[in-house]
N, C-alpha and C. Protein backbone atom coordinates (compact mmCIF):
# COMPACT_ATOMS: atom_id res chain seq x y z
N UNK A 1 0.88 -1.24 -0.03
CA UNK A 1 0.01 0.01 0.03
C UNK A 1 0.92 1.23 0.01
N UNK A 2 0.54 2.23 -0.85
CA UNK A 2 1.33 3.40 -0.76
C UNK A 2 0.89 4.41 0.31
N UNK A 3 1.73 5.41 0.49
CA UNK A 3 1.51 6.28 1.69
C UNK A 3 0.25 7.09 1.54
N UNK A 4 -0.16 7.46 0.38
CA UNK A 4 -1.48 8.16 0.16
C UNK A 4 -2.75 7.33 0.62
N UNK A 5 -2.64 6.04 0.09
CA UNK A 5 -3.67 5.08 0.44
C UNK A 5 -3.73 4.77 1.89
N UNK A 6 -2.55 4.60 2.53
CA UNK A 6 -2.44 4.41 3.91
C UNK A 6 -3.02 5.68 4.70
N UNK A 7 -2.70 6.85 4.38
CA UNK A 7 -3.16 7.93 4.98
C UNK A 7 -4.70 8.04 4.92
N UNK A 8 -5.24 7.78 3.76
CA UNK A 8 -6.67 7.82 3.53
C UNK A 8 -7.29 6.78 4.46
N UNK A 9 -6.82 5.59 4.51
CA UNK A 9 -7.45 4.56 5.31
C UNK A 9 -7.38 4.90 6.75
N UNK A 10 -6.13 5.38 7.18
CA UNK A 10 -6.04 5.68 8.63
C UNK A 10 -6.99 6.88 8.97
N UNK A 11 -7.14 7.79 8.04
CA UNK A 11 -8.03 8.96 8.21
C UNK A 11 -9.40 8.55 8.42
N UNK A 12 -9.88 7.63 7.61
CA UNK A 12 -11.19 7.15 7.63
C UNK A 12 -11.60 6.47 8.94
N UNK A 13 -10.52 5.54 9.36
CA UNK A 13 -10.76 4.84 10.66
C UNK A 13 -10.75 5.81 11.83
N UNK A 14 -9.95 6.83 11.87
CA UNK A 14 -9.96 7.71 12.86
C UNK A 14 -11.27 8.52 12.95
N UNK A 15 -11.91 8.89 11.77
CA UNK A 15 -13.04 9.58 11.59
C UNK A 15 -14.17 8.70 12.21
N UNK A 16 -14.16 7.41 11.90
CA UNK A 16 -15.17 6.48 12.37
C UNK A 16 -15.15 6.34 13.90
N UNK A 17 -13.96 6.21 14.46
CA UNK A 17 -13.76 5.98 15.85
C UNK A 17 -13.81 7.24 16.85
N UNK A 18 -13.38 8.38 16.33
CA UNK A 18 -13.27 9.52 17.22
C UNK A 18 -14.18 10.71 16.78
N UNK A 19 -14.77 10.77 15.71
CA UNK A 19 -15.74 11.79 15.26
C UNK A 19 -16.94 11.77 16.19
N UNK A 20 -17.44 12.91 16.71
CA UNK A 20 -17.31 14.27 16.33
C UNK A 20 -16.27 14.93 17.05
N UNK A 21 -15.58 14.48 17.99
CA UNK A 21 -14.71 15.28 18.81
C UNK A 21 -13.45 15.66 18.01
N UNK A 22 -13.02 14.72 17.11
CA UNK A 22 -11.79 14.89 16.29
C UNK A 22 -12.31 14.62 14.78
N UNK A 23 -11.65 15.35 13.86
CA UNK A 23 -12.03 15.18 12.44
C UNK A 23 -10.69 15.20 11.73
N UNK A 24 -10.42 14.22 10.94
CA UNK A 24 -9.15 14.21 10.21
C UNK A 24 -9.24 14.28 8.59
N UNK A 25 -8.24 14.82 7.97
CA UNK A 25 -8.20 14.87 6.67
C UNK A 25 -6.86 14.39 6.08
N UNK A 26 -6.76 13.45 5.26
CA UNK A 26 -5.46 12.98 4.74
C UNK A 26 -4.75 13.96 3.84
N UNK A 27 -3.41 13.77 3.93
CA UNK A 27 -2.50 14.54 2.99
C UNK A 27 -1.37 13.79 2.58
N UNK A 28 -0.44 14.42 2.02
CA UNK A 28 0.70 13.68 1.52
C UNK A 28 1.76 13.63 2.61
N UNK A 29 1.94 12.47 3.14
CA UNK A 29 3.02 12.33 4.23
C UNK A 29 2.51 12.64 5.64
N UNK A 30 1.31 13.22 5.69
CA UNK A 30 0.68 13.63 6.99
C UNK A 30 -0.79 13.62 6.91
N UNK A 31 -1.35 13.51 8.10
CA UNK A 31 -2.91 13.54 8.29
C UNK A 31 -3.18 14.80 9.25
N UNK A 32 -3.99 15.68 8.89
CA UNK A 32 -4.21 16.79 9.73
C UNK A 32 -5.56 16.40 10.56
N UNK A 33 -5.53 16.67 11.80
CA UNK A 33 -6.52 16.35 12.70
C UNK A 33 -7.04 17.66 13.32
N UNK A 34 -8.29 17.91 13.42
CA UNK A 34 -8.88 19.14 14.07
C UNK A 34 -9.66 18.62 15.29
N UNK A 35 -9.50 19.24 16.37
CA UNK A 35 -10.29 19.09 17.52
C UNK A 35 -11.01 20.36 17.80
N UNK A 36 -12.36 20.25 17.74
CA UNK A 36 -13.14 21.48 18.05
C UNK A 36 -13.61 21.42 19.48
N UNK A 37 -12.81 22.00 20.32
CA UNK A 37 -12.94 22.12 21.74
C UNK A 37 -13.98 23.25 22.02
N UNK A 38 -14.58 23.14 23.29
CA UNK A 38 -15.52 24.25 23.61
C UNK A 38 -14.75 25.52 23.79
N UNK A 39 -13.52 25.40 24.21
CA UNK A 39 -12.67 26.64 24.48
C UNK A 39 -12.15 27.10 23.17
N UNK A 40 -11.59 26.33 22.40
CA UNK A 40 -10.88 26.68 21.15
C UNK A 40 -10.81 25.60 20.18
N UNK A 41 -10.17 26.00 19.04
CA UNK A 41 -9.91 25.00 17.90
C UNK A 41 -8.46 24.51 18.00
N UNK A 42 -8.26 23.18 17.96
CA UNK A 42 -6.92 22.76 18.05
C UNK A 42 -6.65 21.90 16.72
N UNK A 43 -5.37 21.98 16.36
CA UNK A 43 -4.91 21.24 15.19
C UNK A 43 -3.70 20.21 15.47
N UNK A 44 -3.73 19.12 15.06
CA UNK A 44 -2.71 18.15 15.29
C UNK A 44 -2.27 17.61 13.87
N UNK A 45 -0.97 17.24 13.77
CA UNK A 45 -0.56 16.63 12.48
C UNK A 45 -0.02 15.15 12.82
N UNK A 46 -0.46 14.21 12.18
CA UNK A 46 0.03 12.83 12.27
C UNK A 46 1.11 12.81 11.09
N UNK A 47 2.24 12.45 11.47
CA UNK A 47 3.33 12.30 10.36
C UNK A 47 3.47 10.79 10.10
N UNK A 48 3.36 10.39 8.81
CA UNK A 48 3.51 8.92 8.47
C UNK A 48 4.66 8.76 7.55
N UNK A 49 5.15 7.55 7.48
CA UNK A 49 6.23 7.22 6.61
C UNK A 49 6.25 5.64 6.52
N UNK A 50 6.39 5.01 5.28
CA UNK A 50 6.39 3.72 5.19
C UNK A 50 5.15 2.91 5.84
N UNK A 51 4.06 3.52 5.67
CA UNK A 51 2.80 2.99 6.32
C UNK A 51 2.80 2.72 7.85
N UNK A 52 3.43 3.71 8.43
CA UNK A 52 3.46 3.79 9.83
C UNK A 52 3.31 5.18 10.26
N UNK A 53 2.92 5.38 11.56
CA UNK A 53 2.87 6.57 12.19
C UNK A 53 4.21 6.86 12.84
N UNK A 54 4.94 7.95 12.48
CA UNK A 54 6.25 8.13 12.93
C UNK A 54 6.24 9.42 13.92
N UNK A 55 5.14 10.13 13.94
CA UNK A 55 5.12 11.40 14.70
C UNK A 55 3.76 12.00 14.97
N UNK A 56 3.56 12.69 15.98
CA UNK A 56 2.37 13.52 16.22
C UNK A 56 2.70 14.87 16.71
N UNK A 57 2.29 15.75 16.01
CA UNK A 57 2.73 17.21 16.21
C UNK A 57 1.53 17.99 16.64
N UNK A 58 1.68 18.72 17.60
CA UNK A 58 0.61 19.70 18.09
C UNK A 58 0.90 21.00 17.46
N UNK A 59 0.07 21.31 16.49
CA UNK A 59 0.38 22.72 15.58
C UNK A 59 0.42 23.88 16.49
N UNK A 60 -0.33 24.00 17.58
CA UNK A 60 -0.29 25.18 18.32
C UNK A 60 0.29 25.10 19.74
N UNK A 61 0.88 23.97 19.94
CA UNK A 61 1.64 23.55 21.26
C UNK A 61 0.66 24.01 22.49
N UNK A 62 -0.56 23.51 22.28
CA UNK A 62 -1.53 23.82 23.37
C UNK A 62 -1.57 22.80 24.49
N UNK A 63 -2.24 23.12 25.44
CA UNK A 63 -2.42 22.10 26.56
C UNK A 63 -3.18 20.89 26.11
N UNK A 64 -2.60 19.70 26.47
CA UNK A 64 -3.26 18.53 25.89
C UNK A 64 -4.44 18.04 26.84
N UNK A 65 -5.52 17.58 26.16
CA UNK A 65 -6.68 17.35 26.79
C UNK A 65 -7.09 15.86 26.61
N UNK A 66 -8.33 15.56 26.92
CA UNK A 66 -8.87 14.09 26.77
C UNK A 66 -8.94 13.70 25.23
N UNK A 67 -9.26 14.65 24.34
CA UNK A 67 -9.30 14.28 22.92
C UNK A 67 -7.88 13.95 22.42
N UNK A 68 -6.84 14.70 22.84
CA UNK A 68 -5.49 14.45 22.47
C UNK A 68 -5.10 13.05 22.96
N UNK A 69 -5.50 12.66 24.19
CA UNK A 69 -5.12 11.32 24.72
C UNK A 69 -5.76 10.26 23.96
N UNK A 70 -7.09 10.45 23.56
CA UNK A 70 -7.74 9.55 22.73
C UNK A 70 -7.03 9.20 21.38
N UNK A 71 -6.62 10.36 20.80
CA UNK A 71 -5.80 10.29 19.56
C UNK A 71 -4.45 9.49 19.71
N UNK A 72 -3.85 9.72 20.85
CA UNK A 72 -2.57 9.03 21.07
C UNK A 72 -2.93 7.54 21.31
N UNK A 73 -3.90 7.25 22.02
CA UNK A 73 -4.34 5.89 22.25
C UNK A 73 -4.70 5.20 21.09
N UNK A 74 -5.42 5.85 20.19
CA UNK A 74 -5.90 5.34 18.88
C UNK A 74 -4.61 4.92 17.97
N UNK A 75 -3.68 5.90 18.00
CA UNK A 75 -2.43 5.72 17.18
C UNK A 75 -1.45 4.62 17.49
N UNK A 76 -1.65 4.09 18.75
CA UNK A 76 -0.54 3.08 19.25
C UNK A 76 -0.41 1.89 18.36
N UNK A 77 -1.66 1.54 17.69
CA UNK A 77 -1.59 0.36 16.85
C UNK A 77 -1.00 0.58 15.54
N UNK A 78 -0.69 1.80 15.20
CA UNK A 78 -0.11 2.26 13.84
C UNK A 78 1.27 2.62 13.94
N UNK A 79 1.96 2.61 14.99
CA UNK A 79 3.39 2.98 15.21
C UNK A 79 4.22 1.84 14.77
């Protein structure tokens, strides 16, 4: 499976499991995840390479909340 197909599949699974708290869109080499918190909007980037998750970046370096922890837990199977 190529990286684009892997990102699409992972994004679809993430949306099934964690939406409406988190919403993801696949890209080339990364997946952008938006968390619509009551306080503010948060953005995370899942970095992928060779059909694996190699990193998770908090775009705004915000305080991590329960949605972030759900995302980390979800990604454990893909590292």
